[in-house]
C-alpha atoms as a PDB file:
ATOM      1  CA  GLN A   1     -17.276  24.340 -22.708  1.00  0.00           C
ATOM      2  CA  VAL A   2     -14.502  23.261 -20.302  1.00  0.00           C
ATOM      3  CA  GLN A   3     -10.815  24.173 -20.134  1.00  0.00           C
ATOM      4  CA  LEU A   4      -8.470  22.498 -17.333  1.00  0.00           C
ATOM      5  CA  VAL A   5      -4.789  23.900 -16.806  1.00  0.00           C
ATOM      6  CA  GLU A   6      -2.504  21.811 -14.748  1.00  0.00           C
ATOM      7  CA  SER A   7       0.457  23.252 -13.034  1.00  0.00           C
ATOM      8  CA  GLY A   8       3.121  22.063 -10.502  1.00  0.00           C
ATOM      9  CA  GLY A   9       4.767  19.021 -12.107  1.00  0.00           C
ATOM     10  CA  GLY A  10       8.546  18.684 -12.426  1.00  0.00           C
ATOM     11  CA  LEU A  11      11.670  16.860 -11.338  1.00  0.00           C
ATOM     12  CA  VAL A  12      11.866  15.375  -7.861  1.00  0.00           C
ATOM     13  CA  GLN A  13      14.056  13.050  -6.067  1.00  0.00           C
ATOM     14  CA  ALA A  14      12.547   9.775  -4.571  1.00  0.00           C
ATOM     15  CA  GLY A  15      10.854  10.333  -1.086  1.00  0.00           C
ATOM     16  CA  GLY A  16      10.374  14.173  -1.889  1.00  0.00           C
ATOM     17  CA  SER A  17       7.014  15.747  -2.580  1.00  0.00           C
ATOM     18  CA  LEU A  18       4.852  17.699  -5.309  1.00  0.00           C
ATOM     19  CA  ARG A  19       2.050  19.539  -5.261  1.00  0.00           C
ATOM     20  CA  LEU A  20      -0.181  19.893  -8.758  1.00  0.00           C
ATOM     21  CA  SER A  21      -2.714  22.364  -8.878  1.00  0.00           C
ATOM     22  CA  CYS A  22      -5.591  22.151 -11.602  1.00  0.00           C
ATOM     23  CA  ALA A  23      -7.505  25.056 -12.530  1.00  0.00           C
ATOM     24  CA  ALA A  24     -10.666  24.968 -14.492  1.00  0.00           C
ATOM     25  CA  SER A  25     -12.814  27.446 -16.558  1.00  0.00           C
ATOM     26  CA  GLY A  26     -15.703  27.446 -18.630  1.00  0.00           C
ATOM     27  CA  SER A  27     -19.068  25.511 -17.534  1.00  0.00           C
ATOM     28  CA  ILE A  28     -17.414  24.531 -14.179  1.00  0.00           C
ATOM     29  CA  PHE A  29     -20.498  23.258 -11.636  1.00  0.00           C
ATOM     30  CA  SER A  30     -18.818  22.318  -8.135  1.00  0.00           C
ATOM     31  CA  ILE A  31     -21.130  19.488  -7.621  1.00  0.00           C
ATOM     32  CA  ASN A  32     -19.144  17.666 -10.478  1.00  0.00           C
ATOM     33  CA  THR A  33     -16.523  15.238  -9.792  1.00  0.00           C
ATOM     34  CA  MET A  34     -12.984  15.974 -10.544  1.00  0.00           C
ATOM     35  CA  GLY A  35     -10.036  13.609 -10.614  1.00  0.00           C
ATOM     36  CA  TRP A  36      -6.148  12.956 -11.537  1.00  0.00           C
ATOM     37  CA  TYR A  37      -5.179  10.522 -14.062  1.00  0.00           C
ATOM     38  CA  ARG A  38      -1.817   9.426 -14.836  1.00  0.00           C
ATOM     39  CA  GLN A  39       0.254   8.004 -17.774  1.00  0.00           C
ATOM     40  CA  ALA A  40       3.781   6.647 -17.831  1.00  0.00           C
ATOM     41  CA  PRO A  41       5.382   5.923 -20.829  1.00  0.00           C
ATOM     42  CA  GLY A  42       4.127   2.930 -22.529  1.00  0.00           C
ATOM     43  CA  LYS A  43       1.648   2.047 -20.023  1.00  0.00           C
ATOM     44  CA  GLN A  44      -2.344   2.735 -20.172  1.00  0.00           C
ATOM     45  CA  ARG A  45      -3.696   6.324 -18.662  1.00  0.00           C
ATOM     46  CA  GLU A  46      -4.899   5.312 -15.325  1.00  0.00           C
ATOM     47  CA  LEU A  47      -6.570   6.413 -12.348  1.00  0.00           C
ATOM     48  CA  VAL A  48      -4.989   8.249  -9.153  1.00  0.00           C
ATOM     49  CA  ALA A  49      -7.550   9.889  -7.429  1.00  0.00           C
ATOM     50  CA  THR A  50     -11.057  11.482  -7.421  1.00  0.00           C
ATOM     51  CA  VAL A  51     -13.098  14.053  -5.256  1.00  0.00           C
ATOM     52  CA  SER A  52     -16.848  14.929  -5.615  1.00  0.00           C
ATOM     53  CA  GLY A  53     -18.312  18.160  -5.418  1.00  0.00           C
ATOM     54  CA  GLY A  54     -19.393  16.918  -1.939  1.00  0.00           C
ATOM     55  CA  GLY A  55     -15.588  16.380  -1.037  1.00  0.00           C
ATOM     56  CA  MET A  56     -15.461  12.868  -0.885  1.00  0.00           C
ATOM     57  CA  SER A  57     -12.201  11.450  -2.381  1.00  0.00           C
ATOM     58  CA  SER A  58     -11.376   7.767  -3.507  1.00  0.00           C
ATOM     59  CA  TYR A  59      -7.522   6.572  -4.630  1.00  0.00           C
ATOM     60  CA  SER A  60      -6.125   3.907  -6.301  1.00  0.00           C
ATOM     61  CA  ASP A  61      -4.528   1.552  -4.254  1.00  0.00           C
ATOM     62  CA  SER A  62      -0.903   2.129  -5.483  1.00  0.00           C
ATOM     63  CA  VAL A  63      -0.935   5.969  -3.757  1.00  0.00           C
ATOM     64  CA  LYS A  64      -3.080   5.524  -0.899  1.00  0.00           C
ATOM     65  CA  GLY A  65      -1.694   6.911   2.300  1.00  0.00           C
ATOM     66  CA  ARG A  66       1.007   9.095  -0.156  1.00  0.00           C
ATOM     67  CA  ILE A  67      -1.613  11.411  -2.289  1.00  0.00           C
ATOM     68  CA  THR A  68      -4.213  13.398  -1.255  1.00  0.00           C
ATOM     69  CA  ILE A  69      -6.587  14.967  -3.237  1.00  0.00           C
ATOM     70  CA  SER A  70      -8.561  18.163  -2.520  1.00  0.00           C
ATOM     71  CA  ARG A  71     -10.684  21.211  -4.089  1.00  0.00           C
ATOM     72  CA  ASN A  72     -11.300  24.489  -3.706  1.00  0.00           C
ATOM     73  CA  ASN A  73     -14.919  25.177  -5.264  1.00  0.00           C
ATOM     74  CA  ALA A  74     -14.516  28.992  -5.322  1.00  0.00           C
ATOM     75  CA  LYS A  75     -11.575  28.920  -7.170  1.00  0.00           C
ATOM     76  CA  ASN A  76     -12.519  26.041  -9.401  1.00  0.00           C
ATOM     77  CA  THR A  77      -9.214  24.329  -8.737  1.00  0.00           C
ATOM     78  CA  VAL A  78      -8.107  20.699  -7.661  1.00  0.00           C
ATOM     79  CA  TYR A  79      -4.803  20.088  -5.958  1.00  0.00           C
ATOM     80  CA  LEU A  80      -2.682  16.611  -5.715  1.00  0.00           C
ATOM     81  CA  GLN A  81      -0.526  16.609  -3.068  1.00  0.00           C
ATOM     82  CA  MET A  82       2.240  13.987  -3.629  1.00  0.00           C
ATOM     83  CA  ASN A  83       4.453  12.966  -0.718  1.00  0.00           C
ATOM     84  CA  SER A  84       7.028   9.990  -0.366  1.00  0.00           C
ATOM     85  CA  LEU A  85       7.121  10.044  -3.828  1.00  0.00           C
ATOM     86  CA  ARG A  86       8.887   6.940  -5.871  1.00  0.00           C
ATOM     87  CA  PRO A  87      10.420   6.297  -9.359  1.00  0.00           C
ATOM     88  CA  GLU A  88       6.993   4.502 -10.453  1.00  0.00           C
ATOM     89  CA  ASP A  89       5.141   7.540  -9.945  1.00  0.00           C
ATOM     90  CA  THR A  90       6.625   8.944 -12.795  1.00  0.00           C
ATOM     91  CA  ALA A  91       4.164  10.032 -15.303  1.00  0.00           C
ATOM     92  CA  VAL A  92       2.523  12.583 -17.034  1.00  0.00           C
ATOM     93  CA  TYR A  93      -0.601  13.804 -14.788  1.00  0.00           C
ATOM     94  CA  TYR A  94      -3.660  14.938 -16.160  1.00  0.00           C
ATOM     95  CA  CYS A  95      -6.690  16.655 -14.521  1.00  0.00           C
ATOM     96  CA  ASN A  96     -10.037  15.383 -15.284  1.00  0.00           C
ATOM     97  CA  TYR A  97     -13.498  17.057 -15.240  1.00  0.00           C
ATOM     98  CA  ARG A  98     -16.915  14.686 -15.370  1.00  0.00           C
ATOM     99  CA  THR A  99     -20.100  16.100 -15.607  1.00  0.00           C
ATOM    100  CA  SER A 100     -23.573  14.526 -14.324  1.00  0.00           C
ATOM    101  CA  ARG A 101     -23.904  13.821 -18.288  1.00  0.00           C
ATOM    102  CA  ASN A 102     -20.992  11.755 -18.236  1.00  0.00           C
ATOM    103  CA  ASN A 103     -18.989  14.559 -20.561  1.00  0.00           C
ATOM    104  CA  VAL A 104     -15.322  14.014 -19.752  1.00  0.00           C
ATOM    105  CA  TYR A 105     -12.701  16.938 -20.118  1.00  0.00           C
ATOM    106  CA  TRP A 106      -8.842  16.716 -19.931  1.00  0.00           C
ATOM    107  CA  GLY A 107      -6.211  19.218 -19.202  1.00  0.00           C
ATOM    108  CA  GLN A 108      -2.978  19.045 -21.382  1.00  0.00           C
ATOM    109  CA  GLY A 109      -1.012  17.002 -18.876  1.00  0.00           C
ATOM    110  CA  THR A 110       1.776  17.786 -16.272  1.00  0.00           C
ATOM    111  CA  GLN A 111       4.908  15.894 -16.140  1.00  0.00           C
ATOM    112  CA  VAL A 112       6.127  14.523 -12.556  1.00  0.00           C
ATOM    113  CA  THR A 113       9.902  12.468 -12.846  1.00  0.00           C
ATOM    114  CA  VAL A 114      10.590  11.059  -9.618  1.00  0.00           C
ATOM    115  CA  SER A 115      14.552  10.284  -9.593  1.00  0.00           C
ATOM    116  CA  SER A 116      15.650   7.190  -7.678  1.00  0.00           C
END
């Protein structure tokens, strides 16, 4: 079993920055991919960024150049550094952990609100 706990969300003005953290516990293997998704009101959950066990990252086009994902395997933690935030970045952000057998785990989410 895997547990994911996000933190770091909050209210920020447009152009500001936030850093989200996701601490994983349980049967965690650093080889597996972790990522961040978000869901805005009335919209489907969408991918923000992922990072493989080897550190290779990928991003959605909407956040490229503004958001950086990273992980610390020794701490079983994944981070999302968000800069130049926009009102359209407002959403609940969810941490995600995917095993090699495609078992997927989610955190409870953390709210990010960007005011204009």
